[in-house]
Structure formats: structure tokens, C-alpha cells
Amino acid sequence: MSETTQTARGEERPVFSALLTPHRSLSRNGFVLLMILSCGVLFVQGFFFFITGAWPVATFLGLDLVALFLAFQLNYRAARAREEVRVSRTELLIRKVTPGGRATDHLYNPFWARFQVDRHREIGITGMQVTGEGRSTSVGHFLNPDDRESFATAFSHALATARR
């Protein structure tokens, strides 16, 4: 191997490296704004119901606000999941990290690994997996269709490059 493919520690440089993360359309600032607006609207409604003597309704409006907050917190927690995909000439690593931070490594030899893409005529890519050595690992199940297409193209090229 040439010196250009080796790092300072003697490890081989990757031909391809990608960090796949789930997309969330609402940023943290957007979440804060949503919660402020929700608090304001529900406070006005709750105050109206409390004044008119229907105080249990005001209580349930408060529970609605708590449920909204918890739903978004669970959503943001799930967004901490990620997949790291790295291809070098000697190994293919897929590291899946759960929202809790637990990592699972799936190692393949790039010469034996096969990248399989499941396609639907109207939707596009519906699933991707790496198979080889008697096992299979799904990749990028949380990506949107456009990101799946771009990842599949780049990953296929990287796998072909590693085999040369």
C-alpha cells in the first residue's frame, strides 16, 4: 500500500465515510417557539374555562400541553440514533448507535459484501442492506427517499472502488 492510504497510526484511510442521522423538521428554536405559542393559547383557553366554572377542562388543557412536550422530547431522543458507515480497502464497518448511545459494530470484508437495494416503482428505494458472510445488516432505514438515493449511489461507487 502507498503512504497516501495510511494514517499516522498505520490504519488505512477510508475510501468512503458517512454519518447517517434521522431528519427532524423542527429545530430546537422552533420547538421553543411552538411551546411558547401553545402555552399562550392553552392558558387563554384554560383561563376562559376556569372563569366559566368548567375548571376540569382547564386541567385537561394542561395535560394536553404536558403530552405535547413529552411527545416532542421522545421524538428528539429518537433523533439521536445514527449510523456510521465506513469503507476501506480491507473492511466495511457499519456502526449503529441507539438513541441511548449503545453502539453495535457490523464488520464485513468489502470483497465479499454485497449491497442490496429494494425499490418500489413509485416510491423509490424502500430498503437497503449489506449482505455477506452469511449475515445481513440494514442501512439507512430512517432516511427519506432522496437521501436514500444519494447514499445508495455514493455507497455503491465506494464499494466498487474498494474492490479495485
N, C-alpha and C. Protein backbone atom coordinates (compact mmCIF):
# COMPACT_ATOMS: atom_id res chain seq x y z
N MET A 1 0.82 -1.19 0.00
CA MET A 1 0.00 0.00 0.00
C MET A 1 0.86 1.24 0.00
N SER A 2 0.34 2.25 -0.62
CA SER A 2 1.09 3.50 -0.67
C SER A 2 0.92 4.26 0.64
N GLU A 3 1.80 5.22 0.84
CA GLU A 3 1.74 6.03 2.06
C GLU A 3 0.49 6.89 2.09
N THR A 4 -0.08 7.23 0.96
CA THR A 4 -1.23 8.12 0.94
C THR A 4 -2.50 7.44 1.46
N THR A 5 -2.53 6.13 1.53
CA THR A 5 -3.71 5.45 2.04
C THR A 5 -3.58 5.05 3.50
N GLN A 6 -2.45 5.37 4.13
CA GLN A 6 -2.24 5.03 5.53
C GLN A 6 -2.32 6.29 6.39
N THR A 7 -2.89 6.15 7.59
CA THR A 7 -2.88 7.26 8.54
C THR A 7 -1.60 7.18 9.36
N ALA A 8 -1.41 8.14 10.26
CA ALA A 8 -0.20 8.19 11.07
C ALA A 8 -0.11 6.98 12.00
N ARG A 9 -1.23 6.41 12.42
CA ARG A 9 -1.21 5.26 13.32
C ARG A 9 -1.13 3.94 12.57
N GLY A 10 -1.00 3.97 11.26
CA GLY A 10 -0.89 2.75 10.49
C GLY A 10 -2.23 2.20 10.03
N GLU A 11 -3.33 2.87 10.38
CA GLU A 11 -4.65 2.43 9.94
C GLU A 11 -4.89 2.91 8.52
N GLU A 12 -5.65 2.16 7.81
CA GLU A 12 -5.95 2.52 6.44
C GLU A 12 -7.02 3.62 6.39
N ARG A 13 -6.82 4.58 5.52
CA ARG A 13 -7.80 5.66 5.35
C ARG A 13 -9.03 5.12 4.65
N PRO A 14 -10.20 5.59 5.05
CA PRO A 14 -11.41 5.10 4.38
C PRO A 14 -11.56 5.66 2.97
N VAL A 15 -12.11 4.83 2.10
CA VAL A 15 -12.46 5.24 0.75
C VAL A 15 -13.76 6.05 0.82
N PHE A 16 -14.60 5.70 1.79
CA PHE A 16 -15.92 6.31 1.94
C PHE A 16 -16.25 6.35 3.42
N SER A 17 -16.83 7.46 3.85
CA SER A 17 -17.27 7.58 5.24
C SER A 17 -18.53 8.44 5.25
N ALA A 18 -19.57 7.95 5.94
CA ALA A 18 -20.83 8.69 6.01
C ALA A 18 -21.42 8.53 7.40
N LEU A 19 -22.02 9.60 7.87
CA LEU A 19 -22.77 9.59 9.12
C LEU A 19 -24.23 9.81 8.76
N LEU A 20 -25.07 8.81 9.00
CA LEU A 20 -26.48 8.88 8.67
C LEU A 20 -27.27 9.19 9.94
N THR A 21 -28.06 10.26 9.87
CA THR A 21 -28.88 10.66 11.01
C THR A 21 -30.31 10.89 10.56
N PRO A 22 -31.28 10.64 11.44
CA PRO A 22 -32.67 10.90 11.07
C PRO A 22 -32.92 12.40 10.92
N HIS A 23 -33.77 12.75 9.99
CA HIS A 23 -34.12 14.15 9.76
C HIS A 23 -35.24 14.56 10.71
N ARG A 24 -35.12 15.72 11.30
CA ARG A 24 -36.18 16.31 12.10
C ARG A 24 -36.45 17.70 11.55
N SER A 25 -37.70 17.95 11.20
CA SER A 25 -38.05 19.20 10.53
C SER A 25 -38.16 20.38 11.48
N LEU A 26 -38.29 20.14 12.77
CA LEU A 26 -38.44 21.22 13.73
C LEU A 26 -37.16 21.34 14.55
N SER A 27 -36.51 22.48 14.45
CA SER A 27 -35.27 22.71 15.20
C SER A 27 -35.59 22.95 16.67
N ARG A 28 -34.56 23.04 17.49
CA ARG A 28 -34.76 23.33 18.92
C ARG A 28 -35.40 24.70 19.11
N ASN A 29 -34.96 25.68 18.33
CA ASN A 29 -35.58 27.02 18.43
C ASN A 29 -37.04 26.98 18.02
N GLY A 30 -37.34 26.21 16.99
CA GLY A 30 -38.73 26.05 16.57
C GLY A 30 -39.56 25.37 17.63
N PHE A 31 -38.97 24.40 18.33
CA PHE A 31 -39.67 23.73 19.42
C PHE A 31 -39.99 24.69 20.56
N VAL A 32 -39.02 25.52 20.92
CA VAL A 32 -39.25 26.51 21.99
C VAL A 32 -40.37 27.47 21.58
N LEU A 33 -40.34 27.94 20.34
CA LEU A 33 -41.39 28.83 19.86
C LEU A 33 -42.76 28.15 19.87
N LEU A 34 -42.81 26.90 19.42
CA LEU A 34 -44.05 26.14 19.43
C LEU A 34 -44.59 25.99 20.85
N MET A 35 -43.73 25.68 21.80
CA MET A 35 -44.17 25.51 23.18
C MET A 35 -44.65 26.84 23.78
N ILE A 36 -43.99 27.93 23.45
CA ILE A 36 -44.43 29.24 23.96
C ILE A 36 -45.81 29.58 23.40
N LEU A 37 -45.99 29.39 22.09
CA LEU A 37 -47.29 29.67 21.49
C LEU A 37 -48.37 28.74 22.04
N SER A 38 -48.04 27.47 22.21
CA SER A 38 -49.01 26.52 22.76
C SER A 38 -49.39 26.89 24.19
N CYS A 39 -48.40 27.27 24.99
CA CYS A 39 -48.68 27.69 26.37
C CYS A 39 -49.61 28.90 26.38
N GLY A 40 -49.33 29.85 25.51
CA GLY A 40 -50.17 31.05 25.46
C GLY A 40 -51.61 30.75 25.08
N VAL A 41 -51.79 29.97 24.02
CA VAL A 41 -53.14 29.64 23.56
C VAL A 41 -53.88 28.81 24.60
N LEU A 42 -53.21 27.80 25.14
CA LEU A 42 -53.87 26.95 26.12
C LEU A 42 -54.12 27.68 27.44
N PHE A 43 -53.28 28.63 27.79
CA PHE A 43 -53.52 29.42 29.00
C PHE A 43 -54.78 30.27 28.84
N VAL A 44 -54.92 30.92 27.68
CA VAL A 44 -56.11 31.74 27.42
C VAL A 44 -57.36 30.87 27.44
N GLN A 45 -57.32 29.74 26.77
CA GLN A 45 -58.48 28.84 26.77
C GLN A 45 -58.76 28.31 28.17
N GLY A 46 -57.71 27.90 28.87
CA GLY A 46 -57.87 27.37 30.22
C GLY A 46 -58.44 28.41 31.17
N PHE A 47 -57.98 29.65 31.05
CA PHE A 47 -58.48 30.74 31.89
C PHE A 47 -59.97 30.96 31.62
N PHE A 48 -60.36 30.94 30.35
CA PHE A 48 -61.78 31.11 30.00
C PHE A 48 -62.63 30.00 30.63
N PHE A 49 -62.19 28.76 30.50
CA PHE A 49 -62.96 27.65 31.07
C PHE A 49 -62.98 27.69 32.59
N PHE A 50 -61.87 28.12 33.20
CA PHE A 50 -61.81 28.21 34.66
C PHE A 50 -62.78 29.28 35.17
N ILE A 51 -62.82 30.43 34.50
CA ILE A 51 -63.72 31.53 34.90
C ILE A 51 -65.18 31.12 34.75
N THR A 52 -65.50 30.36 33.72
CA THR A 52 -66.89 29.96 33.48
C THR A 52 -67.32 28.78 34.34
N GLY A 53 -66.41 28.28 35.19
CA GLY A 53 -66.78 27.21 36.10
C GLY A 53 -66.45 25.82 35.59
N ALA A 54 -65.85 25.71 34.43
CA ALA A 54 -65.50 24.40 33.88
C ALA A 54 -64.02 24.13 34.12
N TRP A 55 -63.63 24.20 35.40
CA TRP A 55 -62.22 24.05 35.74
C TRP A 55 -61.63 22.70 35.33
N PRO A 56 -62.40 21.58 35.28
CA PRO A 56 -61.77 20.33 34.82
C PRO A 56 -61.23 20.43 33.39
N VAL A 57 -61.91 21.23 32.55
CA VAL A 57 -61.43 21.39 31.17
C VAL A 57 -60.06 22.07 31.18
N ALA A 58 -59.87 23.04 32.05
CA ALA A 58 -58.58 23.73 32.15
C ALA A 58 -57.48 22.74 32.56
N THR A 59 -57.83 21.83 33.45
CA THR A 59 -56.87 20.81 33.87
C THR A 59 -56.47 19.93 32.69
N PHE A 60 -57.43 19.53 31.89
CA PHE A 60 -57.11 18.68 30.73
C PHE A 60 -56.31 19.44 29.67
N LEU A 61 -56.53 20.75 29.57
CA LEU A 61 -55.70 21.53 28.65
C LEU A 61 -54.24 21.53 29.11
N GLY A 62 -54.03 21.57 30.42
CA GLY A 62 -52.67 21.47 30.95
C GLY A 62 -52.06 20.11 30.65
N LEU A 63 -52.88 19.06 30.75
CA LEU A 63 -52.38 17.72 30.41
C LEU A 63 -52.05 17.61 28.92
N ASP A 64 -52.82 18.30 28.09
CA ASP A 64 -52.50 18.33 26.65
C ASP A 64 -51.13 18.94 26.41
N LEU A 65 -50.83 20.01 27.14
CA LEU A 65 -49.54 20.67 26.99
C LEU A 65 -48.40 19.74 27.43
N VAL A 66 -48.60 19.03 28.53
CA VAL A 66 -47.60 18.07 29.01
C VAL A 66 -47.40 16.96 27.98
N ALA A 67 -48.51 16.46 27.42
CA ALA A 67 -48.42 15.39 26.41
C ALA A 67 -47.67 15.87 25.16
N LEU A 68 -47.92 17.10 24.73
CA LEU A 68 -47.22 17.67 23.58
C LEU A 68 -45.73 17.76 23.86
N PHE A 69 -45.38 18.24 25.04
CA PHE A 69 -43.98 18.36 25.42
C PHE A 69 -43.30 16.99 25.44
N LEU A 70 -43.93 16.01 26.06
CA LEU A 70 -43.34 14.66 26.14
C LEU A 70 -43.20 14.02 24.76
N ALA A 71 -44.18 14.22 23.88
CA ALA A 71 -44.10 13.66 22.53
C ALA A 71 -42.88 14.21 21.78
N PHE A 72 -42.66 15.51 21.88
CA PHE A 72 -41.50 16.09 21.20
C PHE A 72 -40.19 15.66 21.84
N GLN A 73 -40.17 15.49 23.15
CA GLN A 73 -38.95 15.02 23.80
C GLN A 73 -38.60 13.61 23.35
N LEU A 74 -39.61 12.75 23.24
CA LEU A 74 -39.36 11.39 22.74
C LEU A 74 -38.89 11.41 21.29
N ASN A 75 -39.46 12.32 20.49
CA ASN A 75 -39.07 12.46 19.10
C ASN A 75 -37.60 12.90 18.99
N TYR A 76 -37.21 13.88 19.79
CA TYR A 76 -35.83 14.36 19.76
C TYR A 76 -34.87 13.30 20.31
N ARG A 77 -35.31 12.51 21.27
CA ARG A 77 -34.47 11.43 21.78
C ARG A 77 -34.24 10.39 20.68
N ALA A 78 -35.28 10.04 19.95
CA ALA A 78 -35.14 9.07 18.86
C ALA A 78 -34.22 9.61 17.76
N ALA A 79 -34.14 10.91 17.63
CA ALA A 79 -33.29 11.52 16.60
C ALA A 79 -31.80 11.39 16.92
N ARG A 80 -31.47 10.98 18.14
CA ARG A 80 -30.05 10.81 18.49
C ARG A 80 -29.47 9.52 17.92
N ALA A 81 -30.33 8.67 17.37
CA ALA A 81 -29.84 7.45 16.72
C ALA A 81 -29.05 7.85 15.47
N ARG A 82 -28.06 7.04 15.15
CA ARG A 82 -27.27 7.33 13.96
C ARG A 82 -26.59 6.07 13.48
N GLU A 83 -26.13 6.12 12.26
CA GLU A 83 -25.36 5.03 11.67
C GLU A 83 -24.11 5.62 11.03
N GLU A 84 -22.99 5.02 11.34
CA GLU A 84 -21.72 5.41 10.74
C GLU A 84 -21.33 4.31 9.77
N VAL A 85 -21.08 4.70 8.53
CA VAL A 85 -20.70 3.73 7.50
C VAL A 85 -19.33 4.13 6.98
N ARG A 86 -18.39 3.18 7.04
CA ARG A 86 -17.03 3.47 6.59
C ARG A 86 -16.53 2.30 5.74
N VAL A 87 -15.99 2.63 4.59
CA VAL A 87 -15.46 1.62 3.67
C VAL A 87 -13.99 1.92 3.43
N SER A 88 -13.16 0.91 3.66
CA SER A 88 -11.75 1.00 3.28
C SER A 88 -11.46 -0.21 2.40
N ARG A 89 -10.25 -0.36 1.97
CA ARG A 89 -9.92 -1.49 1.10
C ARG A 89 -9.92 -2.81 1.85
N THR A 90 -9.83 -2.76 3.18
CA THR A 90 -9.76 -4.00 3.96
C THR A 90 -11.00 -4.30 4.78
N GLU A 91 -11.85 -3.30 5.03
CA GLU A 91 -13.04 -3.56 5.83
C GLU A 91 -14.17 -2.59 5.51
N LEU A 92 -15.37 -3.09 5.77
CA LEU A 92 -16.59 -2.30 5.66
C LEU A 92 -17.20 -2.31 7.06
N LEU A 93 -17.31 -1.14 7.67
CA LEU A 93 -17.83 -1.02 9.02
C LEU A 93 -19.16 -0.28 9.00
N ILE A 94 -20.16 -0.89 9.61
CA ILE A 94 -21.45 -0.22 9.83
C ILE A 94 -21.63 -0.19 11.34
N ARG A 95 -21.57 1.00 11.91
CA ARG A 95 -21.75 1.17 13.36
C ARG A 95 -23.12 1.80 13.58
N LYS A 96 -23.99 1.06 14.26
CA LYS A 96 -25.33 1.56 14.58
C LYS A 96 -25.33 2.00 16.04
N VAL A 97 -25.73 3.25 16.26
CA VAL A 97 -25.76 3.82 17.60
C VAL A 97 -27.22 4.09 17.96
N THR A 98 -27.68 3.51 19.08
CA THR A 98 -29.05 3.70 19.53
C THR A 98 -29.22 5.09 20.14
N PRO A 99 -30.45 5.54 20.34
CA PRO A 99 -30.65 6.84 20.98
C PRO A 99 -30.00 6.93 22.37
N GLY A 100 -29.87 5.81 23.04
CA GLY A 100 -29.23 5.80 24.35
C GLY A 100 -27.72 5.80 24.30
N GLY A 101 -27.12 5.71 23.12
CA GLY A 101 -25.67 5.76 22.96
C GLY A 101 -25.00 4.40 22.84
N ARG A 102 -25.75 3.33 22.84
CA ARG A 102 -25.16 1.99 22.71
C ARG A 102 -24.83 1.71 21.25
N ALA A 103 -23.57 1.36 21.00
CA ALA A 103 -23.11 1.14 19.63
C ALA A 103 -22.95 -0.35 19.34
N THR A 104 -23.34 -0.74 18.13
CA THR A 104 -23.15 -2.10 17.65
C THR A 104 -22.42 -2.03 16.32
N ASP A 105 -21.29 -2.73 16.23
CA ASP A 105 -20.50 -2.72 15.01
C ASP A 105 -20.81 -3.96 14.18
N HIS A 106 -20.92 -3.74 12.87
CA HIS A 106 -21.10 -4.81 11.90
C HIS A 106 -19.94 -4.70 10.91
N LEU A 107 -19.03 -5.67 10.94
CA LEU A 107 -17.85 -5.65 10.07
C LEU A 107 -18.01 -6.63 8.93
N TYR A 108 -17.63 -6.19 7.74
CA TYR A 108 -17.67 -7.02 6.55
C TYR A 108 -16.37 -6.84 5.79
N ASN A 109 -16.02 -7.84 5.02
CA ASN A 109 -14.93 -7.73 4.06
C ASN A 109 -15.54 -7.12 2.80
N PRO A 110 -15.01 -5.99 2.31
CA PRO A 110 -15.64 -5.34 1.15
C PRO A 110 -15.64 -6.20 -0.11
N PHE A 111 -14.75 -7.16 -0.20
CA PHE A 111 -14.73 -8.03 -1.38
C PHE A 111 -15.86 -9.05 -1.35
N TRP A 112 -16.35 -9.39 -0.16
CA TRP A 112 -17.43 -10.37 -0.04
C TRP A 112 -18.79 -9.70 0.18
N ALA A 113 -18.79 -8.45 0.58
CA ALA A 113 -20.04 -7.76 0.88
C ALA A 113 -20.80 -7.40 -0.39
N ARG A 114 -22.10 -7.51 -0.32
CA ARG A 114 -22.98 -7.12 -1.42
C ARG A 114 -23.98 -6.11 -0.90
N PHE A 115 -24.20 -5.08 -1.67
CA PHE A 115 -25.15 -4.02 -1.30
C PHE A 115 -26.43 -4.26 -2.07
N GLN A 116 -27.51 -4.50 -1.34
CA GLN A 116 -28.80 -4.78 -1.97
C GLN A 116 -29.75 -3.62 -1.70
N VAL A 117 -30.43 -3.22 -2.76
CA VAL A 117 -31.38 -2.12 -2.68
C VAL A 117 -32.75 -2.63 -3.10
N ASP A 118 -33.74 -2.40 -2.25
CA ASP A 118 -35.12 -2.73 -2.58
C ASP A 118 -35.80 -1.49 -3.13
N ARG A 119 -36.38 -1.60 -4.32
CA ARG A 119 -37.02 -0.45 -4.96
C ARG A 119 -38.50 -0.69 -5.20
N HIS A 120 -39.24 0.38 -5.09
CA HIS A 120 -40.65 0.39 -5.47
C HIS A 120 -40.75 1.34 -6.66
N ARG A 121 -41.54 0.99 -7.63
CA ARG A 121 -41.62 1.76 -8.87
C ARG A 121 -42.00 3.22 -8.62
N GLU A 122 -42.91 3.49 -7.70
CA GLU A 122 -43.39 4.86 -7.48
C GLU A 122 -42.67 5.56 -6.33
N ILE A 123 -42.29 4.83 -5.32
CA ILE A 123 -41.70 5.44 -4.13
C ILE A 123 -40.20 5.62 -4.28
N GLY A 124 -39.55 4.67 -4.91
CA GLY A 124 -38.09 4.68 -5.00
C GLY A 124 -37.52 3.61 -4.09
N ILE A 125 -36.42 3.91 -3.45
CA ILE A 125 -35.77 2.93 -2.58
C ILE A 125 -36.57 2.78 -1.29
N THR A 126 -36.92 1.54 -0.98
CA THR A 126 -37.67 1.27 0.25
C THR A 126 -36.81 0.60 1.31
N GLY A 127 -35.68 0.06 0.92
CA GLY A 127 -34.79 -0.57 1.89
C GLY A 127 -33.42 -0.81 1.31
N MET A 128 -32.42 -0.79 2.17
CA MET A 128 -31.04 -1.06 1.77
C MET A 128 -30.42 -1.97 2.81
N GLN A 129 -29.64 -2.93 2.34
CA GLN A 129 -28.93 -3.80 3.27
C GLN A 129 -27.61 -4.26 2.67
N VAL A 130 -26.69 -4.52 3.56
CA VAL A 130 -25.40 -5.08 3.19
C VAL A 130 -25.45 -6.54 3.61
N THR A 131 -25.13 -7.43 2.68
CA THR A 131 -25.13 -8.86 2.99
C THR A 131 -23.76 -9.43 2.67
N GLY A 132 -23.44 -10.50 3.34
CA GLY A 132 -22.19 -11.17 3.10
C GLY A 132 -21.81 -12.00 4.29
N GLU A 133 -21.04 -13.04 4.03
CA GLU A 133 -20.53 -13.90 5.09
C GLU A 133 -21.68 -14.49 5.92
N GLY A 134 -22.83 -14.73 5.28
CA GLY A 134 -23.96 -15.38 5.94
C GLY A 134 -24.79 -14.49 6.84
N ARG A 135 -24.65 -13.18 6.73
CA ARG A 135 -25.45 -12.27 7.56
C ARG A 135 -25.86 -11.05 6.75
N SER A 136 -26.75 -10.28 7.33
CA SER A 136 -27.29 -9.11 6.64
C SER A 136 -27.48 -7.98 7.65
N THR A 137 -27.21 -6.74 7.21
CA THR A 137 -27.38 -5.56 8.06
C THR A 137 -28.10 -4.50 7.26
N SER A 138 -29.22 -4.02 7.79
CA SER A 138 -29.94 -2.93 7.10
C SER A 138 -29.19 -1.62 7.33
N VAL A 139 -29.32 -0.73 6.36
CA VAL A 139 -28.63 0.55 6.40
C VAL A 139 -29.61 1.66 6.05
N GLY A 140 -29.60 2.73 6.81
CA GLY A 140 -30.34 3.94 6.49
C GLY A 140 -31.85 3.79 6.42
N HIS A 141 -32.43 2.97 7.27
CA HIS A 141 -33.88 2.76 7.23
C HIS A 141 -34.66 4.03 7.56
N PHE A 142 -34.04 4.98 8.27
CA PHE A 142 -34.73 6.20 8.67
C PHE A 142 -34.54 7.35 7.69
N LEU A 143 -33.81 7.15 6.61
CA LEU A 143 -33.57 8.21 5.63
C LEU A 143 -34.80 8.43 4.76
N ASN A 144 -34.95 9.66 4.27
CA ASN A 144 -36.03 9.94 3.32
C ASN A 144 -35.62 9.43 1.93
N PRO A 145 -36.57 9.31 1.00
CA PRO A 145 -36.27 8.71 -0.30
C PRO A 145 -35.12 9.39 -1.07
N ASP A 146 -35.04 10.71 -1.04
CA ASP A 146 -33.96 11.40 -1.75
C ASP A 146 -32.59 11.08 -1.15
N ASP A 147 -32.53 11.07 0.18
CA ASP A 147 -31.27 10.75 0.85
C ASP A 147 -30.88 9.29 0.62
N ARG A 148 -31.87 8.41 0.55
CA ARG A 148 -31.57 7.00 0.26
C ARG A 148 -30.95 6.86 -1.12
N GLU A 149 -31.50 7.59 -2.09
CA GLU A 149 -30.95 7.53 -3.46
C GLU A 149 -29.51 8.01 -3.49
N SER A 150 -29.23 9.15 -2.88
CA SER A 150 -27.87 9.68 -2.93
C SER A 150 -26.90 8.79 -2.15
N PHE A 151 -27.35 8.27 -1.00
CA PHE A 151 -26.48 7.37 -0.25
C PHE A 151 -26.20 6.10 -1.04
N ALA A 152 -27.23 5.52 -1.64
CA ALA A 152 -27.06 4.27 -2.40
C ALA A 152 -26.08 4.45 -3.54
N THR A 153 -26.17 5.56 -4.24
CA THR A 153 -25.25 5.84 -5.35
C THR A 153 -23.81 5.97 -4.85
N ALA A 154 -23.61 6.80 -3.82
CA ALA A 154 -22.27 7.03 -3.30
C ALA A 154 -21.68 5.76 -2.68
N PHE A 155 -22.49 5.01 -1.95
CA PHE A 155 -22.01 3.80 -1.30
C PHE A 155 -21.65 2.72 -2.32
N SER A 156 -22.46 2.59 -3.36
CA SER A 156 -22.17 1.62 -4.42
C SER A 156 -20.84 1.93 -5.09
N HIS A 157 -20.62 3.21 -5.39
CA HIS A 157 -19.35 3.62 -6.01
C HIS A 157 -18.17 3.35 -5.07
N ALA A 158 -18.37 3.63 -3.78
CA ALA A 158 -17.29 3.42 -2.82
C ALA A 158 -16.94 1.93 -2.69
N LEU A 159 -17.96 1.10 -2.67
CA LEU A 159 -17.73 -0.35 -2.58
C LEU A 159 -16.99 -0.86 -3.81
N ALA A 160 -17.36 -0.34 -4.98
CA ALA A 160 -16.67 -0.73 -6.22
C ALA A 160 -15.22 -0.24 -6.20
N THR A 161 -15.00 0.96 -5.68
CA THR A 161 -13.64 1.49 -5.59
C THR A 161 -12.79 0.67 -4.63
N ALA A 162 -13.36 0.26 -3.53
CA ALA A 162 -12.59 -0.53 -2.54
C ALA A 162 -12.20 -1.89 -3.09
N ARG A 163 -12.98 -2.41 -4.02
CA ARG A 163 -12.68 -3.74 -4.59
C ARG A 163 -11.59 -3.70 -5.66
N ARG A 164 -11.29 -2.53 -6.18
CA ARG A 164 -10.27 -2.42 -7.23
C ARG A 164 -8.88 -2.59 -6.70
